Amino acid sequence: MHKFVFSLLSVVSLLLFFHGGEARQQESPLQHACQFSSINSLGPAQTTKFEAGQMEVWDHTSPELQCAGVTLARITLQANSIFLPAFFSPPALAYVVQGKGVIGTIVSGCPETYEEVEGSRGGGEDQPRRFEDMHQKLESFRRGDVFASLAGVSQWWYNRGNSDVVIVMVLDVTNRENQLDQTPRMFQIAGSKTQEQQQPLTWPLGNNVLSGFDPNIIAEAFKIDIETAKDLQNQKENRGNIVKAKGPLHFVTPSPRQRQQDGIANGIEETYCTARLHENIDDPERSDFFSTRAGRISTLNSLNLPVLSIVRLNAVRGLLYSGGMVLPQWTANANTVLYVTGGQAMIQIVDDNGQSVFNEQVGQGQVVVIPHGFGVSKTAGETGFEWISFKTNDNAYVNTLSGRTSYIRAVPAAVLKAAYGVTEEEAKKIKFNQQETMLAMT
């Protein structure tokens, strides 16, 4: 009996393994999408203005983004405004470029873990409990935070600061969790179209999902009157998906100590409903590579944020000081989408034929795609250089061409001498002159 159970488990494991492999094969960009004679830096293809902010989207049909199998959006929220609840068809990673606020992630079936009870601040235990509000957990965000967005899971953002919030988001349209096509879609739970939209977006955006139902269905489903049902449909509004709040918003939030003490015993809830969805990647103390002269690099992957194994993306935050350089390297198992958050740099990209396909200075707001395996170097300008990269693998890794832990250092000097036609002394200089690992000064 034990042998039978063991054999059955082995068969199931093999089936799961091969099914997973098949699913991974389906996660591929369009055929021949990564054949470049040159690569272009990219800016937003279109901007849609809402009542209290705007949404800029990149053209997902551009050769560079089709190669990477992703697309981008940049969301700007004015002070005291809300990006209304919505979900995207593919998984995504969002990076907070500037500002602070509150984000809510809404997962149907998970408990309302935050509750406000009338009289809870001084009422007696014998008084009947009356809930003023109940909702799922909230998280504060600030500059440098990276948030995972799961396919079909709704999120909303609230800007509680005095300046704009800017969020850049990369959506993985070829991820197996996206069961539609490679056109990204945003499904709005609230909000409406806006009159500012003068031409179709490169990917769809429109009314909220409730607006398509018969108002009587909405009234019956929520047990409300027909006029309130029509309000849910936003039939008379054109504010879009970012709206101004009527005064500062207040939410039920626990103290940090209460947050540590609270726990949920149910195993499913522990792994899904309470999964950690974000981490700040800007803190210098969490740097993976740090040079007092050149700059720093921090990596966020599924080893330090496990939910990324579902999203299948990772993030790399980089900062170079003036004259700092990221030594030539290539990503071994992922495409890279680099978004410039500040400063300027010369970036050069080399393809599989040894041809330079990109050699330009880039600045704030520009996007550069570095295909899988293509060599790349970055050299900061006089004002330094800051960027966030998104890679299409939850545990992407890079190989360096030069430096202390590089390919060149690992090759015997005799092989270098034969490979490059240099003298033994020159081969040793090639191997040992660069003592830095990833970051250096020019």
Foldseek 3Di string as FASTA:
>chain_A
DVVVVVVVVVVVVVVVVVVVVVLVVLLAFDPPLPDFPFFDWFFFPDWFDFQFWIKTWHQCPPSQNSRQQKTKMKTKGAAQKKQAKKFKLFKKKKAWLFAKFKKDKDDPPAFQPFWDWVCPVPRDPPDDTDTPDTHHDMDIDGHQKMFIGHGPIIMMTTGNDNGMIMMMMMGNQSRSSRPDHSAMDMAGQAFAAAPRDPDAHSHDDGFHPLLVDDLVVQCVVVVHDSVVSVVSRVPPDHRGRMHHDPDHDDDGDDDPVVVVVDDDDDPVCVPPVPADGMDGFPDPVQFPDQDPQFWTKHKAFCVNRVVCQNSFKIKMKTWTAAQKKFAKKFWAPWKKKKAWSAAKKFKWKADPVRDTNGTDIDGHNIITIHRHPIIMMITGHNHITIIMMMIRGRDIDMAGCAEDRHPLLPDDLVVVCVVVVDDSVVSVCRNPVHHHHTMDGD
